[in-house]
Amino acid sequence: MRFKQRNVDTKSPSSEASATTNARRRGFLLALGAGGAGAAALAARSITGVTPTAETADPGASSGEGYRVTDHVKRYYDSAKT
């Protein structure tokens, strides 16, 4: 059977102590998440053996060569008309 306790003091802890505890918990979880992300990045780097580098621009894209209508594109356009 379940028993209910009556006349129990249900006062919450002081808001100042609660805020300090919550701030500590948040800081801990933030550090845990950041540490986990850093560990994952290091693990990925050591597995692949490649260091991440900045992406370089495609030289073909900067020379003005972009979209080109080729034979297979023309065939697609013709088939899409019907």
PDB file of N, CA and C in Angstrom:
ATOM      1  N   MET A   1       0.821  -1.182   0.000  1.00  0.00           N
ATOM      2  CA  MET A   1       0.000   0.000   0.000  1.00  0.00           C
ATOM      3  C   MET A   1       0.867   1.249   0.000  1.00  0.00           C
ATOM      4  N   ARG A   2       0.313   2.263  -0.565  1.00  0.00           N
ATOM      5  CA  ARG A   2       1.031   3.531  -0.568  1.00  0.00           C
ATOM      6  C   ARG A   2       0.507   4.402   0.551  1.00  0.00           C
ATOM      7  N   PHE A   3       1.434   5.060   1.195  1.00  0.00           N
ATOM      8  CA  PHE A   3       1.064   5.950   2.290  1.00  0.00           C
ATOM      9  C   PHE A   3       1.467   7.359   1.914  1.00  0.00           C
ATOM     10  N   LYS A   4       0.614   8.288   2.191  1.00  0.00           N
ATOM     11  CA  LYS A   4       0.931   9.696   1.962  1.00  0.00           C
ATOM     12  C   LYS A   4       1.390  10.296   3.270  1.00  0.00           C
ATOM     13  N   GLN A   5       2.452  11.018   3.175  1.00  0.00           N
ATOM     14  CA  GLN A   5       2.911  11.721   4.361  1.00  0.00           C
ATOM     15  C   GLN A   5       2.187  13.050   4.434  1.00  0.00           C
ATOM     16  N   ARG A   6       1.706  13.368   5.582  1.00  0.00           N
ATOM     17  CA  ARG A   6       0.994  14.624   5.754  1.00  0.00           C
ATOM     18  C   ARG A   6       1.821  15.562   6.610  1.00  0.00           C
ATOM     19  N   ASN A   7       1.542  16.802   6.436  1.00  0.00           N
ATOM     20  CA  ASN A   7       2.208  17.847   7.198  1.00  0.00           C
ATOM     21  C   ASN A   7       3.718  17.857   6.980  1.00  0.00           C
ATOM     22  N   VAL A   8       4.112  17.554   5.746  1.00  0.00           N
ATOM     23  CA  VAL A   8       5.529  17.575   5.412  1.00  0.00           C
ATOM     24  C   VAL A   8       5.872  18.964   4.927  1.00  0.00           C
ATOM     25  N   ASP A   9       6.970  19.487   5.392  1.00  0.00           N
ATOM     26  CA  ASP A   9       7.410  20.811   4.996  1.00  0.00           C
ATOM     27  C   ASP A   9       7.904  20.732   3.555  1.00  0.00           C
ATOM     28  N   THR A  10       7.222  21.369   2.639  1.00  0.00           N
ATOM     29  CA  THR A  10       7.568  21.306   1.222  1.00  0.00           C
ATOM     30  C   THR A  10       8.226  22.581   0.737  1.00  0.00           C
ATOM     31  N   LYS A  11       8.906  23.270   1.581  1.00  0.00           N
ATOM     32  CA  LYS A  11       9.582  24.504   1.176  1.00  0.00           C
ATOM     33  C   LYS A  11      10.729  24.156   0.238  1.00  0.00           C
ATOM     34  N   SER A  12      10.848  24.941  -0.806  1.00  0.00           N
ATOM     35  CA  SER A  12      11.957  24.733  -1.740  1.00  0.00           C
ATOM     36  C   SER A  12      13.209  25.377  -1.160  1.00  0.00           C
ATOM     37  N   PRO A  13      14.371  24.905  -1.595  1.00  0.00           N
ATOM     38  CA  PRO A  13      15.608  25.526  -1.112  1.00  0.00           C
ATOM     39  C   PRO A  13      15.664  26.983  -1.540  1.00  0.00           C
ATOM     40  N   SER A  14      16.487  27.727  -0.882  1.00  0.00           N
ATOM     41  CA  SER A  14      16.557  29.157  -1.199  1.00  0.00           C
ATOM     42  C   SER A  14      16.953  29.349  -2.657  1.00  0.00           C
ATOM     43  N   SER A  15      16.441  30.390  -3.262  1.00  0.00           N
ATOM     44  CA  SER A  15      16.681  30.613  -4.683  1.00  0.00           C
ATOM     45  C   SER A  15      18.145  30.898  -4.962  1.00  0.00           C
ATOM     46  N   GLU A  16      18.858  31.490  -4.022  1.00  0.00           N
ATOM     47  CA  GLU A  16      20.272  31.786  -4.225  1.00  0.00           C
ATOM     48  C   GLU A  16      21.080  30.501  -4.303  1.00  0.00           C
ATOM     49  N   ALA A  17      20.842  29.572  -3.400  1.00  0.00           N
ATOM     50  CA  ALA A  17      21.556  28.294  -3.419  1.00  0.00           C
ATOM     51  C   ALA A  17      21.175  27.502  -4.652  1.00  0.00           C
ATOM     52  N   SER A  18      19.917  27.576  -5.039  1.00  0.00           N
ATOM     53  CA  SER A  18      19.447  26.864  -6.218  1.00  0.00           C
ATOM     54  C   SER A  18      20.110  27.408  -7.486  1.00  0.00           C
ATOM     55  N   ALA A  19      20.228  28.715  -7.593  1.00  0.00           N
ATOM     56  CA  ALA A  19      20.850  29.332  -8.763  1.00  0.00           C
ATOM     57  C   ALA A  19      22.322  28.950  -8.852  1.00  0.00           C
ATOM     58  N   THR A  20      23.013  28.903  -7.716  1.00  0.00           N
ATOM     59  CA  THR A  20      24.418  28.523  -7.712  1.00  0.00           C
ATOM     60  C   THR A  20      24.585  27.082  -8.153  1.00  0.00           C
ATOM     61  N   THR A  21      23.729  26.220  -7.649  1.00  0.00           N
ATOM     62  CA  THR A  21      23.796  24.816  -8.026  1.00  0.00           C
ATOM     63  C   THR A  21      23.502  24.636  -9.505  1.00  0.00           C
ATOM     64  N   ASN A  22      22.479  25.331 -10.003  1.00  0.00           N
ATOM     65  CA  ASN A  22      22.140  25.235 -11.416  1.00  0.00           C
ATOM     66  C   ASN A  22      23.270  25.752 -12.294  1.00  0.00           C
ATOM     67  N   ALA A  23      23.914  26.832 -11.882  1.00  0.00           N
ATOM     68  CA  ALA A  23      25.029  27.372 -12.656  1.00  0.00           C
ATOM     69  C   ALA A  23      26.185  26.377 -12.696  1.00  0.00           C
ATOM     70  N   ARG A  24      26.435  25.716 -11.595  1.00  0.00           N
ATOM     71  CA  ARG A  24      27.501  24.712 -11.558  1.00  0.00           C
ATOM     72  C   ARG A  24      27.169  23.542 -12.476  1.00  0.00           C
ATOM     73  N   ARG A  25      25.926  23.122 -12.432  1.00  0.00           N
ATOM     74  CA  ARG A  25      25.510  22.002 -13.290  1.00  0.00           C
ATOM     75  C   ARG A  25      25.625  22.377 -14.761  1.00  0.00           C
ATOM     76  N   ARG A  26      25.189  23.570 -15.089  1.00  0.00           N
ATOM     77  CA  ARG A  26      25.276  24.011 -16.480  1.00  0.00           C
ATOM     78  C   ARG A  26      26.722  24.100 -16.933  1.00  0.00           C
ATOM     79  N   GLY A  27      27.576  24.632 -16.078  1.00  0.00           N
ATOM     80  CA  GLY A  27      28.990  24.723 -16.422  1.00  0.00           C
ATOM     81  C   GLY A  27      29.618  23.360 -16.615  1.00  0.00           C
ATOM     82  N   PHE A  28      29.237  22.429 -15.758  1.00  0.00           N
ATOM     83  CA  PHE A  28      29.763  21.070 -15.875  1.00  0.00           C
ATOM     84  C   PHE A  28      29.310  20.431 -17.180  1.00  0.00           C
ATOM     85  N   LEU A  29      28.028  20.570 -17.498  1.00  0.00           N
ATOM     86  CA  LEU A  29      27.510  19.968 -18.728  1.00  0.00           C
ATOM     87  C   LEU A  29      28.106  20.635 -19.968  1.00  0.00           C
ATOM     88  N   LEU A  30      28.316  21.933 -19.900  1.00  0.00           N
ATOM     89  CA  LEU A  30      28.936  22.636 -21.012  1.00  0.00           C
ATOM     90  C   LEU A  30      30.365  22.145 -21.223  1.00  0.00           C
ATOM     91  N   ALA A  31      31.115  22.013 -20.135  1.00  0.00           N
ATOM     92  CA  ALA A  31      32.491  21.523 -20.237  1.00  0.00           C
ATOM     93  C   ALA A  31      32.518  20.082 -20.732  1.00  0.00           C
ATOM     94  N   LEU A  32      31.567  19.292 -20.280  1.00  0.00           N
ATOM     95  CA  LEU A  32      31.493  17.903 -20.715  1.00  0.00           C
ATOM     96  C   LEU A  32      31.221  17.818 -22.213  1.00  0.00           C
ATOM     97  N   GLY A  33      30.304  18.634 -22.691  1.00  0.00           N
ATOM     98  CA  GLY A  33      29.981  18.643 -24.119  1.00  0.00           C
ATOM     99  C   GLY A  33      31.142  19.139 -24.964  1.00  0.00           C
ATOM    100  N   ALA A  34      31.792  20.199 -24.522  1.00  0.00           N
ATOM    101  CA  ALA A  34      32.930  20.744 -25.269  1.00  0.00           C
ATOM    102  C   ALA A  34      34.089  19.757 -25.273  1.00  0.00           C
ATOM    103  N   GLY A  35      34.308  19.116 -24.150  1.00  0.00           N
ATOM    104  CA  GLY A  35      35.374  18.116 -24.083  1.00  0.00           C
ATOM    105  C   GLY A  35      35.090  16.929 -24.974  1.00  0.00           C
ATOM    106  N   GLY A  36      33.840  16.512 -25.018  1.00  0.00           N
ATOM    107  CA  GLY A  36      33.460  15.395 -25.891  1.00  0.00           C
ATOM    108  C   GLY A  36      33.630  15.748 -27.358  1.00  0.00           C
ATOM    109  N   ALA A  37      33.266  16.963 -27.728  1.00  0.00           N
ATOM    110  CA  ALA A  37      33.430  17.400 -29.119  1.00  0.00           C
ATOM    111  C   ALA A  37      34.909  17.471 -29.487  1.00  0.00           C
ATOM    112  N   GLY A  38      35.717  17.981 -28.574  1.00  0.00           N
ATOM    113  CA  GLY A  38      37.154  18.050 -28.835  1.00  0.00           C
ATOM    114  C   GLY A  38      37.775  16.668 -28.956  1.00  0.00           C
ATOM    115  N   ALA A  39      37.345  15.756 -28.103  1.00  0.00           N
ATOM    116  CA  ALA A  39      37.866  14.389 -28.170  1.00  0.00           C
ATOM    117  C   ALA A  39      37.455  13.715 -29.472  1.00  0.00           C
ATOM    118  N   ALA A  40      36.234  13.969 -29.919  1.00  0.00           N
ATOM    119  CA  ALA A  40      35.778  13.386 -31.183  1.00  0.00           C
ATOM    120  C   ALA A  40      36.577  13.938 -32.355  1.00  0.00           C
ATOM    121  N   ALA A  41      36.883  15.230 -32.312  1.00  0.00           N
ATOM    122  CA  ALA A  41      37.671  15.829 -33.390  1.00  0.00           C
ATOM    123  C   ALA A  41      39.084  15.251 -33.420  1.00  0.00           C
ATOM    124  N   LEU A  42      39.671  15.083 -32.250  1.00  0.00           N
ATOM    125  CA  LEU A  42      41.011  14.495 -32.204  1.00  0.00           C
ATOM    126  C   LEU A  42      41.001  13.045 -32.665  1.00  0.00           C
ATOM    127  N   ALA A  43      39.971  12.313 -32.285  1.00  0.00           N
ATOM    128  CA  ALA A  43      39.887  10.922 -32.708  1.00  0.00           C
ATOM    129  C   ALA A  43      39.729  10.829 -34.216  1.00  0.00           C
ATOM    130  N   ALA A  44      38.900  11.679 -34.788  1.00  0.00           N
ATOM    131  CA  ALA A  44      38.709  11.660 -36.238  1.00  0.00           C
ATOM    132  C   ALA A  44      39.993  12.045 -36.958  1.00  0.00           C
ATOM    133  N   ARG A  45      40.701  12.978 -36.393  1.00  0.00           N
ATOM    134  CA  ARG A  45      41.958  13.414 -37.012  1.00  0.00           C
ATOM    135  C   ARG A  45      43.002  12.308 -36.961  1.00  0.00           C
ATOM    136  N   SER A  46      43.072  11.604 -35.840  1.00  0.00           N
ATOM    137  CA  SER A  46      44.084  10.558 -35.721  1.00  0.00           C
ATOM    138  C   SER A  46      43.722   9.332 -36.553  1.00  0.00           C
ATOM    139  N   ILE A  47      42.440   9.076 -36.748  1.00  0.00           N
ATOM    140  CA  ILE A  47      42.037   7.925 -37.560  1.00  0.00           C
ATOM    141  C   ILE A  47      42.371   8.162 -39.024  1.00  0.00           C
ATOM    142  N   THR A  48      42.040   9.344 -39.529  1.00  0.00           N
ATOM    143  CA  THR A  48      42.262   9.614 -40.945  1.00  0.00           C
ATOM    144  C   THR A  48      43.704   9.991 -41.233  1.00  0.00           C
ATOM    145  N   GLY A  49      44.367  10.558 -40.273  1.00  0.00           N
ATOM    146  CA  GLY A  49      45.745  10.978 -40.471  1.00  0.00           C
ATOM    147  C   GLY A  49      45.868  12.239 -41.291  1.00  0.00           C
ATOM    148  N   VAL A  50      44.757  12.906 -41.522  1.00  0.00           N
ATOM    149  CA  VAL A  50      44.740  14.116 -42.329  1.00  0.00           C
ATOM    150  C   VAL A  50      44.356  15.274 -41.434  1.00  0.00           C
ATOM    151  N   THR A  51      45.112  16.347 -41.539  1.00  0.00           N
ATOM    152  CA  THR A  51      44.762  17.534 -40.771  1.00  0.00           C
ATOM    153  C   THR A  51      43.787  18.369 -41.578  1.00  0.00           C
ATOM    154  N   PRO A  52      42.796  18.935 -40.946  1.00  0.00           N
ATOM    155  CA  PRO A  52      41.840  19.758 -41.687  1.00  0.00           C
ATOM    156  C   PRO A  52      42.510  21.016 -42.220  1.00  0.00           C
ATOM    157  N   THR A  53      42.218  21.341 -43.464  1.00  0.00           N
ATOM    158  CA  THR A  53      42.776  22.544 -44.082  1.00  0.00           C
ATOM    159  C   THR A  53      41.640  23.410 -44.587  1.00  0.00           C
ATOM    160  N   ALA A  54      41.957  24.643 -44.871  1.00  0.00           N
ATOM    161  CA  ALA A  54      40.961  25.549 -45.418  1.00  0.00           C
ATOM    162  C   ALA A  54      40.655  25.127 -46.845  1.00  0.00           C
ATOM    163  N   GLU A  55      39.383  25.239 -47.207  1.00  0.00           N
ATOM    164  CA  GLU A  55      39.000  24.860 -48.559  1.00  0.00           C
ATOM    165  C   GLU A  55      39.528  25.889 -49.539  1.00  0.00           C
ATOM    166  N   THR A  56      40.025  25.401 -50.656  1.00  0.00           N
ATOM    167  CA  THR A  56      40.509  26.302 -51.689  1.00  0.00           C
ATOM    168  C   THR A  56      39.423  26.447 -52.739  1.00  0.00           C
ATOM    169  N   ALA A  57      39.403  27.598 -53.365  1.00  0.00           N
ATOM    170  CA  ALA A  57      38.405  27.848 -54.392  1.00  0.00           C
ATOM    171  C   ALA A  57      38.722  27.024 -55.630  1.00  0.00           C
ATOM    172  N   ASP A  58      37.689  26.583 -56.315  1.00  0.00           N
ATOM    173  CA  ASP A  58      37.855  25.820 -57.544  1.00  0.00           C
ATOM    174  C   ASP A  58      38.325  26.767 -58.646  1.00  0.00           C
ATOM    175  N   PRO A  59      39.466  26.492 -59.246  1.00  0.00           N
ATOM    176  CA  PRO A  59      39.963  27.427 -60.262  1.00  0.00           C
ATOM    177  C   PRO A  59      39.045  27.524 -61.477  1.00  0.00           C
ATOM    178  N   GLY A  60      38.316  26.467 -61.811  1.00  0.00           N
ATOM    179  CA  GLY A  60      37.416  26.508 -62.955  1.00  0.00           C
ATOM    180  C   GLY A  60      36.240  27.427 -62.726  1.00  0.00           C
ATOM    181  N   ALA A  61      35.789  27.537 -61.488  1.00  0.00           N
ATOM    182  CA  ALA A  61      34.637  28.370 -61.190  1.00  0.00           C
ATOM    183  C   ALA A  61      34.979  29.847 -61.268  1.00  0.00           C
ATOM    184  N   SER A  62      36.200  30.219 -60.971  1.00  0.00           N
ATOM    185  CA  SER A  62      36.563  31.632 -60.978  1.00  0.00           C
ATOM    186  C   SER A  62      36.874  32.139 -62.381  1.00  0.00           C
ATOM    187  N   SER A  63      37.073  31.249 -63.348  1.00  0.00           N
ATOM    188  CA  SER A  63      37.418  31.691 -64.688  1.00  0.00           C
ATOM    189  C   SER A  63      36.186  31.980 -65.537  1.00  0.00           C
ATOM    190  N   GLY A  64      34.993  31.939 -64.937  1.00  0.00           N
ATOM    191  CA  GLY A  64      33.793  32.253 -65.679  1.00  0.00           C
ATOM    192  C   GLY A  64      33.108  31.021 -66.242  1.00  0.00           C
ATOM    193  N   GLU A  65      33.713  29.857 -66.066  1.00  0.00           N
ATOM    194  CA  GLU A  65      33.076  28.638 -66.550  1.00  0.00           C
ATOM    195  C   GLU A  65      32.093  28.172 -65.495  1.00  0.00           C
ATOM    196  N   GLY A  66      30.864  28.255 -65.819  1.00  0.00           N
ATOM    197  CA  GLY A  66      29.846  27.818 -64.885  1.00  0.00           C
ATOM    198  C   GLY A  66      28.975  26.774 -65.543  1.00  0.00           C
ATOM    199  N   TYR A  67      27.720  27.062 -65.581  1.00  0.00           N
ATOM    200  CA  TYR A  67      26.750  26.161 -66.176  1.00  0.00           C
ATOM    201  C   TYR A  67      26.930  26.130 -67.681  1.00  0.00           C
ATOM    202  N   ARG A  68      26.989  24.925 -68.230  1.00  0.00           N
ATOM    203  CA  ARG A  68      27.117  24.777 -69.679  1.00  0.00           C
ATOM    204  C   ARG A  68      26.027  23.843 -70.182  1.00  0.00           C
ATOM    205  N   VAL A  69      25.411  24.190 -71.296  1.00  0.00           N
ATOM    206  CA  VAL A  69      24.402  23.334 -71.901  1.00  0.00           C
ATOM    207  C   VAL A  69      25.127  22.352 -72.803  1.00  0.00           C
ATOM    208  N   THR A  70      25.157  21.112 -72.360  1.00  0.00           N
ATOM    209  CA  THR A  70      25.814  20.053 -73.132  1.00  0.00           C
ATOM    210  C   THR A  70      24.741  19.179 -73.769  1.00  0.00           C
ATOM    211  N   ASP A  71      25.178  18.176 -74.514  1.00  0.00           N
ATOM    212  CA  ASP A  71      24.237  17.311 -75.220  1.00  0.00           C
ATOM    213  C   ASP A  71      23.280  16.599 -74.269  1.00  0.00           C
ATOM    214  N   HIS A  72      23.810  16.078 -73.168  1.00  0.00           N
ATOM    215  CA  HIS A  72      22.906  15.352 -72.267  1.00  0.00           C
ATOM    216  C   HIS A  72      21.920  16.289 -71.581  1.00  0.00           C
ATOM    217  N   VAL A  73      22.302  17.546 -71.377  1.00  0.00           N
ATOM    218  CA  VAL A  73      21.388  18.524 -70.803  1.00  0.00           C
ATOM    219  C   VAL A  73      20.308  18.863 -71.826  1.00  0.00           C
ATOM    220  N   LYS A  74      20.669  18.994 -73.069  1.00  0.00           N
ATOM    221  CA  LYS A  74      19.690  19.275 -74.130  1.00  0.00           C
ATOM    222  C   LYS A  74      18.691  18.123 -74.252  1.00  0.00           C
ATOM    223  N   ARG A  75      19.181  16.887 -74.140  1.00  0.00           N
ATOM    224  CA  ARG A  75      18.279  15.725 -74.195  1.00  0.00           C
ATOM    225  C   ARG A  75      17.291  15.758 -73.039  1.00  0.00           C
ATOM    226  N   TYR A  76      17.767  16.146 -71.879  1.00  0.00           N
ATOM    227  CA  TYR A  76      16.880  16.238 -70.718  1.00  0.00           C
ATOM    228  C   TYR A  76      15.816  17.309 -70.950  1.00  0.00           C
ATOM    229  N   TYR A  77      16.227  18.453 -71.442  1.00  0.00           N
ATOM    230  CA  TYR A  77      15.255  19.515 -71.700  1.00  0.00           C
ATOM    231  C   TYR A  77      14.201  19.065 -72.706  1.00  0.00           C
ATOM    232  N   ASP A  78      14.645  18.358 -73.758  1.00  0.00           N
ATOM    233  CA  ASP A  78      13.695  17.864 -74.739  1.00  0.00           C
ATOM    234  C   ASP A  78      12.723  16.859 -74.125  1.00  0.00           C
ATOM    235  N   SER A  79      13.203  15.994 -73.269  1.00  0.00           N
ATOM    236  CA  SER A  79      12.320  14.998 -72.646  1.00  0.00           C
ATOM    237  C   SER A  79      11.383  15.642 -71.620  1.00  0.00           C
ATOM    238  N   ALA A  80      11.781  16.747 -71.019  1.00  0.00           N
ATOM    239  CA  ALA A  80      10.949  17.404 -70.029  1.00  0.00           C
ATOM    240  C   ALA A  80       9.841  18.234 -70.661  1.00  0.00           C
ATOM    241  N   LYS A  81       9.977  18.576 -71.937  1.00  0.00           N
ATOM    242  CA  LYS A  81       8.959  19.368 -72.618  1.00  0.00           C
ATOM    243  C   LYS A  81       7.666  18.575 -72.818  1.00  0.00           C
ATOM    244  N   THR A  82       7.793  17.282 -72.991  1.00  0.00           N
ATOM    245  CA  THR A  82       6.595  16.475 -73.289  1.00  0.00           C
ATOM    246  C   THR A  82       5.835  16.084 -72.072  1.00  0.00           C
TER     247      THR A  82
END
